[in-house]
Amino acid sequence: MSTPTTLPTGRIAYSVREVAEFLGLHYQTVLAMTHSGEIPSRYFGRHIRIPADWVHEQGATEGAR
């Protein structure tokens, strides 16, 4: 797995791929977690977006471990 990266600021939502890179998870893992409801998400057309608030909260939680 790759090292978690930083995300662009000032956004209200991120793509599955961006969140996967940020959390250091595989794209398919994050996609499955959105489908199961473990990660909150919304569809915009065919695109899945994950709320920035949730992502930043997870980043803060990961940093606290």
N, C-alpha and C. Protein backbone atom coordinates (compact mmCIF):
# COMPACT_ATOMS: atom_id res chain seq x y z
N MET A 1 0.84 -1.18 0.00
CA MET A 1 0.00 0.00 0.00
C MET A 1 0.88 1.24 0.00
N SER A 2 0.33 2.30 -0.50
CA SER A 2 1.09 3.54 -0.58
C SER A 2 0.95 4.34 0.71
N THR A 3 1.83 5.30 0.86
CA THR A 3 1.77 6.20 2.00
C THR A 3 0.63 7.18 1.81
N PRO A 4 -0.16 7.44 2.86
CA PRO A 4 -1.26 8.41 2.70
C PRO A 4 -0.75 9.76 2.21
N THR A 5 -1.52 10.37 1.35
CA THR A 5 -1.15 11.66 0.79
C THR A 5 -2.05 12.75 1.39
N THR A 6 -1.79 13.98 1.00
CA THR A 6 -2.65 15.07 1.44
C THR A 6 -3.69 15.32 0.37
N LEU A 7 -4.79 15.90 0.78
CA LEU A 7 -5.88 16.20 -0.14
C LEU A 7 -5.94 17.69 -0.41
N PRO A 8 -6.44 18.09 -1.58
CA PRO A 8 -6.64 19.51 -1.84
C PRO A 8 -7.65 20.09 -0.85
N THR A 9 -7.45 21.30 -0.42
CA THR A 9 -8.36 21.93 0.54
C THR A 9 -9.44 22.71 -0.20
N GLY A 10 -10.47 23.11 0.54
CA GLY A 10 -11.52 23.93 -0.03
C GLY A 10 -12.54 23.15 -0.84
N ARG A 11 -12.57 21.83 -0.71
CA ARG A 11 -13.52 21.01 -1.44
C ARG A 11 -14.57 20.48 -0.48
N ILE A 12 -15.76 20.22 -0.97
CA ILE A 12 -16.81 19.68 -0.11
C ILE A 12 -16.93 18.16 -0.23
N ALA A 13 -16.30 17.60 -1.27
CA ALA A 13 -16.35 16.15 -1.46
C ALA A 13 -15.15 15.70 -2.28
N TYR A 14 -14.82 14.41 -2.14
CA TYR A 14 -13.68 13.83 -2.85
C TYR A 14 -14.11 12.57 -3.57
N SER A 15 -13.34 12.20 -4.58
CA SER A 15 -13.62 10.98 -5.33
C SER A 15 -13.14 9.76 -4.53
N VAL A 16 -13.61 8.60 -4.94
CA VAL A 16 -13.20 7.36 -4.30
C VAL A 16 -11.69 7.19 -4.42
N ARG A 17 -11.14 7.48 -5.57
CA ARG A 17 -9.70 7.33 -5.78
C ARG A 17 -8.90 8.26 -4.86
N GLU A 18 -9.32 9.50 -4.71
CA GLU A 18 -8.62 10.44 -3.83
C GLU A 18 -8.66 9.97 -2.38
N VAL A 19 -9.82 9.48 -1.94
CA VAL A 19 -9.95 9.01 -0.57
C VAL A 19 -9.11 7.75 -0.36
N ALA A 20 -9.08 6.87 -1.33
CA ALA A 20 -8.26 5.66 -1.22
C ALA A 20 -6.78 6.02 -1.05
N GLU A 21 -6.30 6.94 -1.85
CA GLU A 21 -4.90 7.37 -1.73
C GLU A 21 -4.63 8.03 -0.38
N PHE A 22 -5.56 8.87 0.06
CA PHE A 22 -5.39 9.58 1.33
C PHE A 22 -5.35 8.62 2.51
N LEU A 23 -6.23 7.62 2.49
CA LEU A 23 -6.30 6.67 3.61
C LEU A 23 -5.32 5.51 3.47
N GLY A 24 -4.66 5.41 2.32
CA GLY A 24 -3.71 4.33 2.11
C GLY A 24 -4.39 2.99 1.87
N LEU A 25 -5.59 3.03 1.28
CA LEU A 25 -6.34 1.82 0.97
C LEU A 25 -6.45 1.64 -0.53
N HIS A 26 -6.78 0.42 -0.94
CA HIS A 26 -6.98 0.15 -2.36
C HIS A 26 -8.30 0.78 -2.81
N TYR A 27 -8.36 1.19 -4.05
CA TYR A 27 -9.56 1.80 -4.64
C TYR A 27 -10.79 0.91 -4.45
N GLN A 28 -10.65 -0.39 -4.74
CA GLN A 28 -11.78 -1.31 -4.64
C GLN A 28 -12.26 -1.47 -3.20
N THR A 29 -11.35 -1.37 -2.24
CA THR A 29 -11.73 -1.46 -0.83
C THR A 29 -12.62 -0.28 -0.46
N VAL A 30 -12.21 0.92 -0.84
CA VAL A 30 -13.01 2.12 -0.54
C VAL A 30 -14.34 2.06 -1.28
N LEU A 31 -14.34 1.60 -2.50
CA LEU A 31 -15.57 1.47 -3.28
C LEU A 31 -16.54 0.51 -2.58
N ALA A 32 -16.04 -0.63 -2.13
CA ALA A 32 -16.88 -1.60 -1.42
C ALA A 32 -17.41 -1.01 -0.12
N MET A 33 -16.59 -0.22 0.56
CA MET A 33 -17.02 0.40 1.82
C MET A 33 -18.11 1.44 1.58
N THR A 34 -18.08 2.12 0.44
CA THR A 34 -19.16 3.07 0.13
C THR A 34 -20.45 2.31 -0.15
N HIS A 35 -20.35 1.19 -0.85
CA HIS A 35 -21.54 0.39 -1.17
C HIS A 35 -22.16 -0.23 0.07
N SER A 36 -21.32 -0.61 1.04
CA SER A 36 -21.84 -1.25 2.26
C SER A 36 -22.33 -0.22 3.27
N GLY A 37 -22.00 1.05 3.06
CA GLY A 37 -22.43 2.10 3.98
C GLY A 37 -21.42 2.43 5.06
N GLU A 38 -20.26 1.76 5.06
CA GLU A 38 -19.22 2.06 6.04
C GLU A 38 -18.65 3.46 5.83
N ILE A 39 -18.63 3.89 4.59
CA ILE A 39 -18.17 5.23 4.23
C ILE A 39 -19.37 5.96 3.62
N PRO A 40 -19.72 7.12 4.17
CA PRO A 40 -20.84 7.86 3.60
C PRO A 40 -20.50 8.37 2.20
N SER A 41 -21.47 8.32 1.31
CA SER A 41 -21.19 8.77 -0.06
C SER A 41 -22.49 9.17 -0.74
N ARG A 42 -22.33 9.90 -1.83
CA ARG A 42 -23.45 10.33 -2.66
C ARG A 42 -23.06 10.13 -4.12
N TYR A 43 -24.04 9.80 -4.92
CA TYR A 43 -23.83 9.71 -6.36
C TYR A 43 -24.17 11.04 -7.00
N PHE A 44 -23.32 11.47 -7.91
CA PHE A 44 -23.58 12.62 -8.76
C PHE A 44 -23.44 12.10 -10.18
N GLY A 45 -24.59 11.76 -10.76
CA GLY A 45 -24.54 11.06 -12.03
C GLY A 45 -23.97 9.68 -11.80
N ARG A 46 -22.92 9.34 -12.50
CA ARG A 46 -22.25 8.05 -12.31
C ARG A 46 -21.07 8.15 -11.35
N HIS A 47 -20.82 9.32 -10.82
CA HIS A 47 -19.65 9.54 -9.96
C HIS A 47 -20.03 9.46 -8.49
N ILE A 48 -19.20 8.78 -7.73
CA ILE A 48 -19.41 8.68 -6.28
C ILE A 48 -18.52 9.73 -5.63
N ARG A 49 -19.10 10.48 -4.70
CA ARG A 49 -18.34 11.48 -3.96
C ARG A 49 -18.51 11.21 -2.47
N ILE A 50 -17.41 11.41 -1.75
CA ILE A 50 -17.37 11.20 -0.30
C ILE A 50 -17.20 12.55 0.36
N PRO A 51 -18.06 12.87 1.35
CA PRO A 51 -18.01 14.19 1.98
C PRO A 51 -16.65 14.51 2.60
N ALA A 52 -16.18 15.73 2.37
CA ALA A 52 -14.88 16.16 2.88
C ALA A 52 -14.84 16.12 4.40
N ASP A 53 -15.94 16.46 5.06
CA ASP A 53 -15.96 16.44 6.53
C ASP A 53 -15.61 15.06 7.06
N TRP A 54 -16.18 14.03 6.47
CA TRP A 54 -15.91 12.66 6.90
C TRP A 54 -14.44 12.31 6.65
N VAL A 55 -13.93 12.67 5.48
CA VAL A 55 -12.55 12.34 5.12
C VAL A 55 -11.58 13.01 6.09
N HIS A 56 -11.79 14.30 6.38
CA HIS A 56 -10.88 15.01 7.28
C HIS A 56 -10.98 14.47 8.70
N GLU A 57 -12.17 14.05 9.10
CA GLU A 57 -12.35 13.44 10.42
C GLU A 57 -11.56 12.14 10.50
N GLN A 58 -11.58 11.36 9.45
CA GLN A 58 -10.82 10.09 9.42
C GLN A 58 -9.32 10.36 9.44
N GLY A 59 -8.90 11.39 8.74
CA GLY A 59 -7.47 11.74 8.73
C GLY A 59 -7.01 12.16 10.12
N ALA A 60 -7.84 12.89 10.84
CA ALA A 60 -7.50 13.30 12.20
C ALA A 60 -7.48 12.10 13.13
N THR A 61 -8.40 11.17 12.93
CA THR A 61 -8.45 9.95 13.75
C THR A 61 -7.22 9.10 13.49
N GLU A 62 -6.85 8.95 12.22
CA GLU A 62 -5.66 8.15 11.87
C GLU A 62 -4.41 8.76 12.46
N GLY A 63 -4.32 10.08 12.46
CA GLY A 63 -3.15 10.77 13.00
C GLY A 63 -3.04 10.63 14.50
N ALA A 64 -4.17 10.42 15.18
CA ALA A 64 -4.18 10.32 16.63
C ALA A 64 -3.76 8.94 17.11
N ARG A 65 -3.72 7.95 16.22
CA ARG A 65 -3.37 6.59 16.63
C ARG A 65 -1.91 6.42 16.86
